[in-house]
Amino acid sequence: AVIDNGSGMTSKQLNNWAVYRLSKFTRQGDFESDHSGYVRPLPVPRS
């Protein structure tokens, strides 16, 4: 079990996660997914 206190995912974002090879770097947002497009985080240590 991996548990976090992050922003959470909508049902459409969970759907997107399930689709094979839908990388977070190429994933496009649509009407249902709102903000599911990947945004590269601020520059901090890669880990």
PDB file of all heavy atoms in Angstrom:
ATOM      1  N   ALA A   1       0.845  -1.197   0.000  1.00  0.00           N
ATOM      2  CA  ALA A   1       0.000   0.000   0.000  1.00  0.00           C
ATOM      3  C   ALA A   1       0.879   1.245   0.000  1.00  0.00           C
ATOM      4  O   ALA A   1       1.780   1.364   0.838  1.00  0.00           O
ATOM      5  CB  ALA A   1      -0.921   0.012   1.221  1.00  0.00           C
ATOM      6  N   VAL A   2       0.656   2.131  -0.950  1.00  0.00           N
ATOM      7  CA  VAL A   2       1.352   3.420  -1.008  1.00  0.00           C
ATOM      8  C   VAL A   2       0.307   4.499  -0.743  1.00  0.00           C
ATOM      9  O   VAL A   2      -0.667   4.615  -1.485  1.00  0.00           O
ATOM     10  CB  VAL A   2       2.030   3.642  -2.372  1.00  0.00           C
ATOM     11  CG1 VAL A   2       2.781   4.965  -2.382  1.00  0.00           C
ATOM     12  CG2 VAL A   2       2.978   2.493  -2.689  1.00  0.00           C
ATOM     13  N   ILE A   3       0.508   5.282   0.318  1.00  0.00           N
ATOM     14  CA  ILE A   3      -0.485   6.253   0.773  1.00  0.00           C
ATOM     15  C   ILE A   3       0.149   7.641   0.797  1.00  0.00           C
ATOM     16  O   ILE A   3       1.268   7.804   1.299  1.00  0.00           O
ATOM     17  CB  ILE A   3      -0.998   5.884   2.181  1.00  0.00           C
ATOM     18  CG1 ILE A   3      -1.539   4.448   2.185  1.00  0.00           C
ATOM     19  CG2 ILE A   3      -2.079   6.862   2.650  1.00  0.00           C
ATOM     20  CD1 ILE A   3      -1.790   3.907   3.586  1.00  0.00           C
ATOM     21  N   ASP A   4      -0.554   8.638   0.253  1.00  0.00           N
ATOM     22  CA  ASP A   4      -0.009   9.997   0.276  1.00  0.00           C
ATOM     23  C   ASP A   4      -1.115  11.005   0.536  1.00  0.00           C
ATOM     24  O   ASP A   4      -2.300  10.679   0.512  1.00  0.00           O
ATOM     25  CB  ASP A   4       0.721  10.314  -1.040  1.00  0.00           C
ATOM     26  CG  ASP A   4      -0.217  10.358  -2.244  1.00  0.00           C
ATOM     27  OD1 ASP A   4      -1.116  11.213  -2.270  1.00  0.00           O
ATOM     28  OD2 ASP A   4      -0.050   9.522  -3.154  1.00  0.00           O
ATOM     29  N   ASN A   5      -0.721  12.244   0.823  1.00  0.00           N
ATOM     30  CA  ASN A   5      -1.668  13.337   1.075  1.00  0.00           C
ATOM     31  C   ASN A   5      -1.632  14.336  -0.070  1.00  0.00           C
ATOM     32  O   ASN A   5      -1.657  15.542   0.118  1.00  0.00           O
ATOM     33  CB  ASN A   5      -1.350  14.041   2.400  1.00  0.00           C
ATOM     34  CG  ASN A   5      -0.013  14.765   2.366  1.00  0.00           C
ATOM     35  OD1 ASN A   5       0.865  14.439   1.556  1.00  0.00           O
ATOM     36  ND2 ASN A   5       0.157  15.744   3.235  1.00  0.00           N
ATOM     37  N   GLY A   6      -1.592  13.806  -1.294  1.00  0.00           N
ATOM     38  CA  GLY A   6      -1.489  14.653  -2.471  1.00  0.00           C
ATOM     39  C   GLY A   6      -2.813  15.233  -2.909  1.00  0.00           C
ATOM     40  O   GLY A   6      -3.820  15.186  -2.187  1.00  0.00           O
ATOM     41  N   SER A   7      -2.834  15.781  -4.117  1.00  0.00           N
ATOM     42  CA  SER A   7      -3.987  16.517  -4.633  1.00  0.00           C
ATOM     43  C   SER A   7      -5.168  15.630  -4.971  1.00  0.00           C
ATOM     44  O   SER A   7      -6.288  16.106  -5.112  1.00  0.00           O
ATOM     45  CB  SER A   7      -3.576  17.305  -5.877  1.00  0.00           C
ATOM     46  OG  SER A   7      -3.023  16.427  -6.858  1.00  0.00           O
ATOM     47  N   GLY A   8      -4.951  14.347  -5.098  1.00  0.00           N
ATOM     48  CA  GLY A   8      -6.037  13.434  -5.422  1.00  0.00           C
ATOM     49  C   GLY A   8      -6.306  13.379  -6.914  1.00  0.00           C
ATOM     50  O   GLY A   8      -5.834  14.218  -7.691  1.00  0.00           O
ATOM     51  N   MET A   9      -7.074  12.383  -7.345  1.00  0.00           N
ATOM     52  CA  MET A   9      -7.359  12.187  -8.758  1.00  0.00           C
ATOM     53  C   MET A   9      -8.869  12.095  -8.981  1.00  0.00           C
ATOM     54  O   MET A   9      -9.584  11.509  -8.173  1.00  0.00           O
ATOM     55  CB  MET A   9      -6.688  10.912  -9.268  1.00  0.00           C
ATOM     56  CG  MET A   9      -5.185  10.900  -9.127  1.00  0.00           C
ATOM     57  SD  MET A   9      -4.442   9.315  -9.615  1.00  0.00           S
ATOM     58  CE  MET A   9      -4.613   9.397 -11.387  1.00  0.00           C
ATOM     59  N   THR A  10      -9.317  12.685 -10.070  1.00  0.00           N
ATOM     60  CA  THR A  10     -10.716  12.562 -10.458  1.00  0.00           C
ATOM     61  C   THR A  10     -10.931  11.194 -11.099  1.00  0.00           C
ATOM     62  O   THR A  10      -9.979  10.458 -11.383  1.00  0.00           O
ATOM     63  CB  THR A  10     -11.089  13.658 -11.463  1.00  0.00           C
ATOM     64  OG1 THR A  10     -10.348  13.437 -12.683  1.00  0.00           O
ATOM     65  CG2 THR A  10     -10.777  15.042 -10.920  1.00  0.00           C
ATOM     66  N   SER A  11     -12.178  10.848 -11.358  1.00  0.00           N
ATOM     67  CA  SER A  11     -12.457   9.557 -11.982  1.00  0.00           C
ATOM     68  C   SER A  11     -11.833   9.481 -13.375  1.00  0.00           C
ATOM     69  O   SER A  11     -11.342   8.427 -13.790  1.00  0.00           O
ATOM     70  CB  SER A  11     -13.968   9.317 -12.062  1.00  0.00           C
ATOM     71  OG  SER A  11     -14.596  10.290 -12.863  1.00  0.00           O
ATOM     72  N   LYS A  12     -11.847  10.603 -14.094  1.00  0.00           N
ATOM     73  CA  LYS A  12     -11.247  10.606 -15.430  1.00  0.00           C
ATOM     74  C   LYS A  12      -9.735  10.475 -15.364  1.00  0.00           C
ATOM     75  O   LYS A  12      -9.112   9.818 -16.203  1.00  0.00           O
ATOM     76  CB  LYS A  12     -11.628  11.891 -16.167  1.00  0.00           C
ATOM     77  CG  LYS A  12     -11.146  11.944 -17.618  1.00  0.00           C
ATOM     78  CD  LYS A  12     -11.738  10.825 -18.442  1.00  0.00           C
ATOM     79  CE  LYS A  12     -11.302  10.928 -19.904  1.00  0.00           C
ATOM     80  NZ  LYS A  12     -11.843   9.808 -20.713  1.00  0.00           N
ATOM     81  N   GLN A  13      -9.117  11.082 -14.366  1.00  0.00           N
ATOM     82  CA  GLN A  13      -7.673  10.950 -14.213  1.00  0.00           C
ATOM     83  C   GLN A  13      -7.286   9.517 -13.853  1.00  0.00           C
ATOM     84  O   GLN A  13      -6.262   9.007 -14.314  1.00  0.00           O
ATOM     85  CB  GLN A  13      -7.175  11.936 -13.151  1.00  0.00           C
ATOM     86  CG  GLN A  13      -7.191  13.378 -13.633  1.00  0.00           C
ATOM     87  CD  GLN A  13      -6.940  14.374 -12.514  1.00  0.00           C
ATOM     88  OE1 GLN A  13      -7.342  14.160 -11.380  1.00  0.00           O
ATOM     89  NE2 GLN A  13      -6.295  15.482 -12.841  1.00  0.00           N
ATOM     90  N   LEU A  14      -8.113   8.857 -13.038  1.00  0.00           N
ATOM     91  CA  LEU A  14      -7.877   7.442 -12.760  1.00  0.00           C
ATOM     92  C   LEU A  14      -8.019   6.619 -14.035  1.00  0.00           C
ATOM     93  O   LEU A  14      -7.245   5.691 -14.288  1.00  0.00           O
ATOM     94  CB  LEU A  14      -8.861   6.937 -11.703  1.00  0.00           C
ATOM     95  CG  LEU A  14      -8.591   7.358 -10.261  1.00  0.00           C
ATOM     96  CD1 LEU A  14      -9.706   6.861  -9.353  1.00  0.00           C
ATOM     97  CD2 LEU A  14      -7.249   6.822  -9.768  1.00  0.00           C
ATOM     98  N   ASN A  15      -9.008   6.965 -14.837  1.00  0.00           N
ATOM     99  CA  ASN A  15      -9.186   6.295 -16.127  1.00  0.00           C
ATOM    100  C   ASN A  15      -7.946   6.477 -16.988  1.00  0.00           C
ATOM    101  O   ASN A  15      -7.433   5.518 -17.582  1.00  0.00           O
ATOM    102  CB  ASN A  15     -10.426   6.886 -16.821  1.00  0.00           C
ATOM    103  CG  ASN A  15     -10.817   6.141 -18.075  1.00  0.00           C
ATOM    104  OD1 ASN A  15      -9.957   5.686 -18.822  1.00  0.00           O
ATOM    105  ND2 ASN A  15     -12.117   6.027 -18.329  1.00  0.00           N
ATOM    106  N   ASN A  16      -7.438   7.716 -17.054  1.00  0.00           N
ATOM    107  CA  ASN A  16      -6.239   7.987 -17.843  1.00  0.00           C
ATOM    108  C   ASN A  16      -5.051   7.174 -17.342  1.00  0.00           C
ATOM    109  O   ASN A  16      -4.232   6.687 -18.123  1.00  0.00           O
ATOM    110  CB  ASN A  16      -5.900   9.479 -17.794  1.00  0.00           C
ATOM    111  CG  ASN A  16      -6.845  10.324 -18.624  1.00  0.00           C
ATOM    112  OD1 ASN A  16      -7.595   9.806 -19.441  1.00  0.00           O
ATOM    113  ND2 ASN A  16      -6.823  11.623 -18.400  1.00  0.00           N
ATOM    114  N   TRP A  17      -4.935   7.026 -16.023  1.00  0.00           N
ATOM    115  CA  TRP A  17      -3.829   6.254 -15.450  1.00  0.00           C
ATOM    116  C   TRP A  17      -3.898   4.804 -15.909  1.00  0.00           C
ATOM    117  O   TRP A  17      -2.872   4.163 -16.128  1.00  0.00           O
ATOM    118  CB  TRP A  17      -3.882   6.331 -13.926  1.00  0.00           C
ATOM    119  CG  TRP A  17      -2.734   5.629 -13.263  1.00  0.00           C
ATOM    120  CD1 TRP A  17      -1.512   6.156 -12.947  1.00  0.00           C
ATOM    121  CD2 TRP A  17      -2.701   4.256 -12.824  1.00  0.00           C
ATOM    122  NE1 TRP A  17      -0.728   5.194 -12.347  1.00  0.00           N
ATOM    123  CE2 TRP A  17      -1.426   4.034 -12.262  1.00  0.00           C
ATOM    124  CE3 TRP A  17      -3.617   3.211 -12.849  1.00  0.00           C
ATOM    125  CZ2 TRP A  17      -1.052   2.800 -11.736  1.00  0.00           C
ATOM    126  CZ3 TRP A  17      -3.243   1.980 -12.330  1.00  0.00           C
ATOM    127  CH2 TRP A  17      -1.974   1.788 -11.786  1.00  0.00           C
ATOM    128  N   ALA A  18      -5.109   4.304 -16.074  1.00  0.00           N
ATOM    129  CA  ALA A  18      -5.283   2.901 -16.423  1.00  0.00           C
ATOM    130  C   ALA A  18      -4.950   2.603 -17.876  1.00  0.00           C
ATOM    131  O   ALA A  18      -4.610   1.473 -18.211  1.00  0.00           O
ATOM    132  CB  ALA A  18      -6.730   2.473 -16.136  1.00  0.00           C
ATOM    133  N   VAL A  19      -5.021   3.617 -18.747  1.00  0.00           N
ATOM    134  CA  VAL A  19      -4.827   3.380 -20.169  1.00  0.00           C
ATOM    135  C   VAL A  19      -3.355   3.143 -20.467  1.00  0.00           C
ATOM    136  O   VAL A  19      -2.490   3.914 -20.049  1.00  0.00           O
ATOM    137  CB  VAL A  19      -5.359   4.567 -20.995  1.00  0.00           C
ATOM    138  CG1 VAL A  19      -5.089   4.359 -22.482  1.00  0.00           C
ATOM    139  CG2 VAL A  19      -6.852   4.730 -20.752  1.00  0.00           C
ATOM    140  N   TYR A  20      -3.058   2.090 -21.189  1.00  0.00           N
ATOM    141  CA  TYR A  20      -1.681   1.702 -21.464  1.00  0.00           C
ATOM    142  C   TYR A  20      -0.953   2.737 -22.313  1.00  0.00           C
ATOM    143  O   TYR A  20      -1.493   3.230 -23.302  1.00  0.00           O
ATOM    144  CB  TYR A  20      -1.663   0.343 -22.173  1.00  0.00           C
ATOM    145  CG  TYR A  20      -0.281  -0.175 -22.453  1.00  0.00           C
ATOM    146  CD1 TYR A  20       0.535  -0.609 -21.411  1.00  0.00           C
ATOM    147  CD2 TYR A  20       0.217  -0.214 -23.735  1.00  0.00           C
ATOM    148  CE1 TYR A  20       1.810  -1.082 -21.659  1.00  0.00           C
ATOM    149  CE2 TYR A  20       1.479  -0.688 -24.001  1.00  0.00           C
ATOM    150  CZ  TYR A  20       2.275  -1.113 -22.950  1.00  0.00           C
ATOM    151  OH  TYR A  20       3.540  -1.576 -23.194  1.00  0.00           O
ATOM    152  N   ARG A  21       0.262   3.051 -21.912  1.00  0.00           N
ATOM    153  CA  ARG A  21       1.156   3.957 -22.637  1.00  0.00           C
ATOM    154  C   ARG A  21       0.628   5.380 -22.744  1.00  0.00           C
ATOM    155  O   ARG A  21       1.044   6.119 -23.630  1.00  0.00           O
ATOM    156  CB  ARG A  21       1.463   3.424 -24.039  1.00  0.00           C
ATOM    157  CG  ARG A  21       2.303   2.172 -24.058  1.00  0.00           C
ATOM    158  CD  ARG A  21       3.647   2.372 -23.385  1.00  0.00           C
ATOM    159  NE  ARG A  21       4.521   1.215 -23.539  1.00  0.00           N
ATOM    160  CZ  ARG A  21       5.650   1.020 -22.866  1.00  0.00           C
ATOM    161  NH1 ARG A  21       6.031   1.924 -21.977  1.00  0.00           N
ATOM    162  NH2 ARG A  21       6.384  -0.045 -23.050  1.00  0.00           N
ATOM    163  N   LEU A  22      -0.281   5.771 -21.858  1.00  0.00           N
ATOM    164  CA  LEU A  22      -0.702   7.177 -21.824  1.00  0.00           C
ATOM    165  C   LEU A  22       0.217   7.884 -20.836  1.00  0.00           C
ATOM    166  O   LEU A  22      -0.110   8.081 -19.684  1.00  0.00           O
ATOM    167  CB  LEU A  22      -2.163   7.307 -21.405  1.00  0.00           C
ATOM    168  CG  LEU A  22      -2.758   8.712 -21.467  1.00  0.00           C
ATOM    169  CD1 LEU A  22      -2.682   9.272 -22.877  1.00  0.00           C
ATOM    170  CD2 LEU A  22      -4.201   8.711 -21.001  1.00  0.00           C
ATOM    171  N   SER A  23       1.405   8.239 -21.304  1.00  0.00           N
ATOM    172  CA  SER A  23       2.421   8.815 -20.441  1.00  0.00           C
ATOM    173  C   SER A  23       1.983  10.155 -19.882  1.00  0.00           C
ATOM    174  O   SER A  23       1.281  10.923 -20.531  1.00  0.00           O
ATOM    175  CB  SER A  23       3.722   9.003 -21.229  1.00  0.00           C
ATOM    176  OG  SER A  23       4.617   9.824 -20.520  1.00  0.00           O
ATOM    177  N   LYS A  24       2.425  10.466 -18.675  1.00  0.00           N
ATOM    178  CA  LYS A  24       2.097  11.754 -18.076  1.00  0.00           C
ATOM    179  C   LYS A  24       2.786  12.892 -18.825  1.00  0.00           C
ATOM    180  O   LYS A  24       2.429  14.043 -18.662  1.00  0.00           O
ATOM    181  CB  LYS A  24       2.490  11.780 -16.606  1.00  0.00           C
ATOM    182  CG  LYS A  24       3.989  11.762 -16.336  1.00  0.00           C
ATOM    183  CD  LYS A  24       4.236  11.719 -14.847  1.00  0.00           C
ATOM    184  CE  LYS A  24       5.722  11.698 -14.533  1.00  0.00           C
ATOM    185  NZ  LYS A  24       5.988  11.594 -13.090  1.00  0.00           N
ATOM    186  N   PHE A  25       3.771  12.584 -19.682  1.00  0.00           N
ATOM    187  CA  PHE A  25       4.451  13.628 -20.434  1.00  0.00           C
ATOM    188  C   PHE A  25       3.762  13.921 -21.763  1.00  0.00           C
ATOM    189  O   PHE A  25       4.038  14.925 -22.397  1.00  0.00           O
ATOM    190  CB  PHE A  25       5.910  13.236 -20.689  1.00  0.00           C
ATOM    191  CG  PHE A  25       6.729  13.221 -19.423  1.00  0.00           C
ATOM    192  CD1 PHE A  25       6.869  12.052 -18.690  1.00  0.00           C
ATOM    193  CD2 PHE A  25       7.328  14.368 -18.943  1.00  0.00           C
ATOM    194  CE1 PHE A  25       7.597  12.038 -17.509  1.00  0.00           C
ATOM    195  CE2 PHE A  25       8.064  14.366 -17.764  1.00  0.00           C
ATOM    196  CZ  PHE A  25       8.181  13.198 -17.054  1.00  0.00           C
ATOM    197  N   THR A  26       2.873  13.052 -22.187  1.00  0.00           N
ATOM    198  CA  THR A  26       2.151  13.275 -23.443  1.00  0.00           C
ATOM    199  C   THR A  26       0.659  13.369 -23.222  1.00  0.00           C
ATOM    200  O   THR A  26      -0.089  13.644 -24.141  1.00  0.00           O
ATOM    201  CB  THR A  26       2.424  12.128 -24.434  1.00  0.00           C
ATOM    202  OG1 THR A  26       1.998  10.882 -23.847  1.00  0.00           O
ATOM    203  CG2 THR A  26       3.899  12.056 -24.767  1.00  0.00           C
ATOM    204  N   ARG A  27       0.207  13.147 -21.995  1.00  0.00           N
ATOM    205  CA  ARG A  27      -1.222  13.130 -21.677  1.00  0.00           C
ATOM    206  C   ARG A  27      -1.821  14.515 -21.892  1.00  0.00           C
ATOM    207  O   ARG A  27      -1.301  15.513 -21.429  1.00  0.00           O
ATOM    208  CB  ARG A  27      -1.381  12.677 -20.217  1.00  0.00           C
ATOM    209  CG  ARG A  27      -2.794  12.494 -19.748  1.00  0.00           C
ATOM    210  CD  ARG A  27      -2.768  11.937 -18.336  1.00  0.00           C
ATOM    211  NE  ARG A  27      -2.082  10.646 -18.316  1.00  0.00           N
ATOM    212  CZ  ARG A  27      -1.590  10.091 -17.213  1.00  0.00           C
ATOM    213  NH1 ARG A  27      -1.682  10.702 -16.068  1.00  0.00           N
ATOM    214  NH2 ARG A  27      -0.996   8.918 -17.281  1.00  0.00           N
ATOM    215  N   GLN A  28      -2.925  14.554 -22.593  1.00  0.00           N
ATOM    216  CA  GLN A  28      -3.588  15.824 -22.877  1.00  0.00           C
ATOM    217  C   GLN A  28      -4.868  15.933 -22.060  1.00  0.00           C
ATOM    218  O   GLN A  28      -5.605  14.973 -21.921  1.00  0.00           O
ATOM    219  CB  GLN A  28      -3.928  15.936 -24.367  1.00  0.00           C
ATOM    220  CG  GLN A  28      -2.705  15.930 -25.269  1.00  0.00           C
ATOM    221  CD  GLN A  28      -1.781  17.106 -24.994  1.00  0.00           C
ATOM    222  OE1 GLN A  28      -2.242  18.234 -24.835  1.00  0.00           O
ATOM    223  NE2 GLN A  28      -0.489  16.859 -24.940  1.00  0.00           N
ATOM    224  N   GLY A  29      -5.148  17.120 -21.541  1.00  0.00           N
ATOM    225  CA  GLY A  29      -6.379  17.340 -20.800  1.00  0.00           C
ATOM    226  C   GLY A  29      -7.555  17.447 -21.760  1.00  0.00           C
ATOM    227  O   GLY A  29      -7.408  17.794 -22.917  1.00  0.00           O
ATOM    228  N   ASP A  30      -8.742  17.121 -21.284  1.00  0.00           N
ATOM    229  CA  ASP A  30      -9.952  17.325 -22.067  1.00  0.00           C
ATOM    230  C   ASP A  30     -11.034  17.829 -21.128  1.00  0.00           C
ATOM    231  O   ASP A  30     -10.785  18.116 -19.960  1.00  0.00           O
ATOM    232  CB  ASP A  30     -10.372  16.040 -22.791  1.00  0.00           C
ATOM    233  CG  ASP A  30     -10.575  14.865 -21.842  1.00  0.00           C
ATOM    234  OD1 ASP A  30     -11.010  15.099 -20.700  1.00  0.00           O
ATOM    235  OD2 ASP A  30     -10.315  13.730 -22.245  1.00  0.00           O
ATOM    236  N   PHE A  31     -12.243  17.936 -21.622  1.00  0.00           N
ATOM    237  CA  PHE A  31     -13.312  18.528 -20.827  1.00  0.00           C
ATOM    238  C   PHE A  31     -13.516  17.780 -19.519  1.00  0.00           C
ATOM    239  O   PHE A  31     -13.733  18.369 -18.474  1.00  0.00           O
ATOM    240  CB  PHE A  31     -14.611  18.516 -21.648  1.00  0.00           C
ATOM    241  CG  PHE A  31     -15.780  19.118 -20.925  1.00  0.00           C
ATOM    242  CD1 PHE A  31     -15.975  20.487 -20.923  1.00  0.00           C
ATOM    243  CD2 PHE A  31     -16.665  18.313 -20.225  1.00  0.00           C
ATOM    244  CE1 PHE A  31     -17.043  21.046 -20.252  1.00  0.00           C
ATOM    245  CE2 PHE A  31     -17.734  18.867 -19.552  1.00  0.00           C
ATOM    246  CZ  PHE A  31     -17.931  20.231 -19.563  1.00  0.00           C
ATOM    247  N   GLU A  32     -13.456  16.446 -19.571  1.00  0.00           N
ATOM    248  CA  GLU A  32     -13.729  15.657 -18.371  1.00  0.00           C
ATOM    249  C   GLU A  32     -12.557  15.647 -17.405  1.00  0.00           C
ATOM    250  O   GLU A  32     -12.734  15.550 -16.205  1.00  0.00           O
ATOM    251  CB  GLU A  32     -14.047  14.209 -18.762  1.00  0.00           C
ATOM    252  CG  GLU A  32     -15.478  13.764 -18.525  1.00  0.00           C
ATOM    253  CD  GLU A  32     -15.854  13.676 -17.063  1.00  0.00           C
ATOM    254  OE1 GLU A  32     -15.795  14.709 -16.366  1.00  0.00           O
ATOM    255  OE2 GLU A  32     -16.215  12.595 -16.589  1.00  0.00           O
ATOM    256  N   SER A  33     -11.338  15.718 -17.932  1.00  0.00           N
ATOM    257  CA  SER A  33     -10.184  15.512 -17.069  1.00  0.00           C
ATOM    258  C   SER A  33      -9.674  16.799 -16.425  1.00  0.00           C
ATOM    259  O   SER A  33      -8.823  16.740 -15.557  1.00  0.00           O
ATOM    260  CB  SER A  33      -9.049  14.861 -17.876  1.00  0.00           C
ATOM    261  OG  SER A  33      -8.665  15.688 -18.944  1.00  0.00           O
ATOM    262  N   ASP A  34     -10.214  17.945 -16.840  1.00  0.00           N
ATOM    263  CA  ASP A  34      -9.814  19.225 -16.260  1.00  0.00           C
ATOM    264  C   ASP A  34      -8.303  19.413 -16.323  1.00  0.00           C
ATOM    265  O   ASP A  34      -7.771  19.693 -17.368  1.00  0.00           O
ATOM    266  CB  ASP A  34     -10.312  19.344 -14.817  1.00  0.00           C
ATOM    267  CG  ASP A  34     -11.819  19.500 -14.752  1.00  0.00           C
ATOM    268  OD1 ASP A  34     -12.388  19.982 -15.747  1.00  0.00           O
ATOM    269  OD2 ASP A  34     -12.418  19.120 -13.742  1.00  0.00           O
ATOM    270  N   HIS A  35      -7.619  19.214 -15.191  1.00  0.00           N
ATOM    271  CA  HIS A  35      -6.192  19.534 -15.124  1.00  0.00           C
ATOM    272  C   HIS A  35      -5.323  18.279 -15.125  1.00  0.00           C
ATOM    273  O   HIS A  35      -4.337  18.187 -14.402  1.00  0.00           O
ATOM    274  CB  HIS A  35      -5.896  20.358 -13.873  1.00  0.00           C
ATOM    275  CG  HIS A  35      -6.727  21.593 -13.763  1.00  0.00           C
ATOM    276  ND1 HIS A  35      -6.585  22.660 -14.612  1.00  0.00           N
ATOM    277  CD2 HIS A  35      -7.733  21.923 -12.918  1.00  0.00           C
ATOM    278  CE1 HIS A  35      -7.448  23.605 -14.292  1.00  0.00           C
ATOM    279  NE2 HIS A  35      -8.159  23.177 -13.274  1.00  0.00           N
ATOM    280  N   SER A  36      -5.666  17.293 -15.950  1.00  0.00           N
ATOM    281  CA  SER A  36      -4.906  16.050 -15.925  1.00  0.00           C
ATOM    282  C   SER A  36      -3.631  16.128 -16.758  1.00  0.00           C
ATOM    283  O   SER A  36      -2.820  15.224 -16.727  1.00  0.00           O
ATOM    284  CB  SER A  36      -5.758  14.884 -16.439  1.00  0.00           C
ATOM    285  OG  SER A  36      -6.103  15.094 -17.797  1.00  0.00           O
ATOM    286  N   GLY A  37      -3.431  17.200 -17.539  1.00  0.00           N
ATOM    287  CA  GLY A  37      -2.193  17.345 -18.287  1.00  0.00           C
ATOM    288  C   GLY A  37      -1.010  17.473 -17.336  1.00  0.00           C
ATOM    289  O   GLY A  37      -1.093  18.145 -16.321  1.00  0.00           O
ATOM    290  N   TYR A  38       0.095  16.824 -17.674  1.00  0.00           N
ATOM    291  CA  TYR A  38       1.239  16.813 -16.768  1.00  0.00           C
ATOM    292  C   TYR A  38       1.961  18.153 -16.788  1.00  0.00           C
ATOM    293  O   TYR A  38       2.202  18.732 -17.847  1.00  0.00           O
ATOM    294  CB  TYR A  38       2.217  15.705 -17.167  1.00  0.00           C
ATOM    295  CG  TYR A  38       3.443  15.659 -16.290  1.00  0.00           C
ATOM    296  CD1 TYR A  38       3.374  15.182 -14.988  1.00  0.00           C
ATOM    297  CD2 TYR A  38       4.666  16.127 -16.758  1.00  0.00           C
ATOM    298  CE1 TYR A  38       4.484  15.154 -14.183  1.00  0.00           C
ATOM    299  CE2 TYR A  38       5.785  16.096 -15.951  1.00  0.00           C
ATOM    300  CZ  TYR A  38       5.690  15.620 -14.660  1.00  0.00           C
ATOM    301  OH  TYR A  38       6.793  15.585 -13.859  1.00  0.00           O
ATOM    302  N   VAL A  39       2.294  18.664 -15.634  1.00  0.00           N
ATOM    303  CA  VAL A  39       3.076  19.887 -15.490  1.00  0.00           C
ATOM    304  C   VAL A  39       4.363  19.525 -14.769  1.00  0.00           C
ATOM    305  O   VAL A  39       4.340  19.014 -13.652  1.00  0.00           O
ATOM    306  CB  VAL A  39       2.311  20.962 -14.681  1.00  0.00           C
ATOM    307  CG1 VAL A  39       3.177  22.200 -14.508  1.00  0.00           C
ATOM    308  CG2 VAL A  39       1.004  21.304 -15.366  1.00  0.00           C
ATOM    309  N   ARG A  40       5.491  19.775 -15.414  1.00  0.00           N
ATOM    310  CA  ARG A  40       6.772  19.399 -14.795  1.00  0.00           C
ATOM    311  C   ARG A  40       6.976  20.193 -13.511  1.00  0.00           C
ATOM    312  O   ARG A  40       6.783  21.404 -13.478  1.00  0.00           O
ATOM    313  CB  ARG A  40       7.929  19.671 -15.761  1.00  0.00           C
ATOM    314  CG  ARG A  40       9.268  19.152 -15.248  1.00  0.00           C
ATOM    315  CD  ARG A  40      10.357  19.375 -16.278  1.00  0.00           C
ATOM    316  NE  ARG A  40      10.170  18.550 -17.451  1.00  0.00           N
ATOM    317  CZ  ARG A  40      10.602  17.304 -17.547  1.00  0.00           C
ATOM    318  NH1 ARG A  40      11.221  16.745 -16.532  1.00  0.00           N
ATOM    319  NH2 ARG A  40      10.403  16.614 -18.639  1.00  0.00           N
ATOM    320  N   PRO A  41       7.370  19.504 -12.432  1.00  0.00           N
ATOM    321  CA  PRO A  41       7.516  20.182 -11.141  1.00  0.00           C
ATOM    322  C   PRO A  41       8.632  21.230 -11.160  1.00  0.00           C
ATOM    323  O   PRO A  41       9.442  21.280 -12.082  1.00  0.00           O
ATOM    324  CB  PRO A  41       7.872  19.036 -10.179  1.00  0.00           C
ATOM    325  CG  PRO A  41       7.528  17.777 -10.899  1.00  0.00           C
ATOM    326  CD  PRO A  41       7.653  18.074 -12.349  1.00  0.00           C
ATOM    327  N   LEU A  42       8.645  22.045 -10.109  1.00  0.00           N
ATOM    328  CA  LEU A  42       9.717  23.029  -9.951  1.00  0.00           C
ATOM    329  C   LEU A  42      11.055  22.318  -9.841  1.00  0.00           C
ATOM    330  O   LEU A  42      11.127  21.183  -9.353  1.00  0.00           O
ATOM    331  CB  LEU A  42       9.467  23.874  -8.699  1.00  0.00           C
ATOM    332  CG  LEU A  42       8.189  24.725  -8.717  1.00  0.00           C
ATOM    333  CD1 LEU A  42       7.978  25.380  -7.362  1.00  0.00           C
ATOM    334  CD2 LEU A  42       8.269  25.769  -9.818  1.00  0.00           C
ATOM    335  N   PRO A  43      12.138  22.962 -10.282  1.00  0.00           N
ATOM    336  CA  PRO A  43      13.448  22.304 -10.236  1.00  0.00           C
ATOM    337  C   PRO A  43      13.925  22.098  -8.802  1.00  0.00           C
ATOM    338  O   PRO A  43      14.250  23.041  -8.093  1.00  0.00           O
ATOM    339  CB  PRO A  43      14.360  23.282 -11.001  1.00  0.00           C
ATOM    340  CG  PRO A  43      13.660  24.601 -10.912  1.00  0.00           C
ATOM    341  CD  PRO A  43      12.199  24.290 -10.907  1.00  0.00           C
ATOM    342  N   VAL A  44      13.903  20.859  -8.366  1.00  0.00           N
ATOM    343  CA  VAL A  44      14.427  20.454  -7.067  1.00  0.00           C
ATOM    344  C   VAL A  44      15.246  19.202  -7.322  1.00  0.00           C
ATOM    345  O   VAL A  44      15.264  18.703  -8.450  1.00  0.00           O
ATOM    346  CB  VAL A  44      13.284  20.165  -6.054  1.00  0.00           C
ATOM    347  CG1 VAL A  44      12.509  21.437  -5.747  1.00  0.00           C
ATOM    348  CG2 VAL A  44      12.346  19.089  -6.568  1.00  0.00           C
ATOM    349  N   PRO A  45      15.953  18.680  -6.307  1.00  0.00           N
ATOM    350  CA  PRO A  45      16.715  17.448  -6.538  1.00  0.00           C
ATOM    351  C   PRO A  45      15.857  16.378  -7.214  1.00  0.00           C
ATOM    352  O   PRO A  45      14.706  16.182  -6.863  1.00  0.00           O
ATOM    353  CB  PRO A  45      17.131  17.032  -5.124  1.00  0.00           C
ATOM    354  CG  PRO A  45      17.244  18.331  -4.395  1.00  0.00           C
ATOM    355  CD  PRO A  45      16.152  19.201  -4.950  1.00  0.00           C
ATOM    356  N   ARG A  46      16.417  15.705  -8.215  1.00  0.00           N
ATOM    357  CA  ARG A  46      15.653  14.778  -9.036  1.00  0.00           C
ATOM    358  C   ARG A  46      14.945  13.716  -8.200  1.00  0.00           C
ATOM    359  O   ARG A  46      13.876  13.235  -8.568  1.00  0.00           O
ATOM    360  CB  ARG A  46      16.571  14.105 -10.056  1.00  0.00           C
ATOM    361  CG  ARG A  46      15.832  13.165 -11.009  1.00  0.00           C
ATOM    362  CD  ARG A  46      16.716  12.718 -12.147  1.00  0.00           C
ATOM    363  NE  ARG A  46      17.056  13.814 -13.028  1.00  0.00           N
ATOM    364  CZ  ARG A  46      16.267  14.264 -13.998  1.00  0.00           C
ATOM    365  NH1 ARG A  46      15.081  13.720 -14.178  1.00  0.00           N
ATOM    366  NH2 ARG A  46      16.639  15.258 -14.758  1.00  0.00           N
ATOM    367  N   SER A  47      15.513  13.369  -7.055  1.00  0.00           N
ATOM    368  CA  SER A  47      14.894  12.330  -6.229  1.00  0.00           C
ATOM    369  C   SER A  47      13.570  12.787  -5.641  1.00  0.00           C
ATOM    370  O   SER A  47      12.825  11.975  -5.108  1.00  0.00           O
ATOM    371  CB  SER A  47      15.840  11.947  -5.089  1.00  0.00           C
ATOM    372  OG  SER A  47      16.108  13.073  -4.266  1.00  0.00           O
TER     373      SER A  47
END
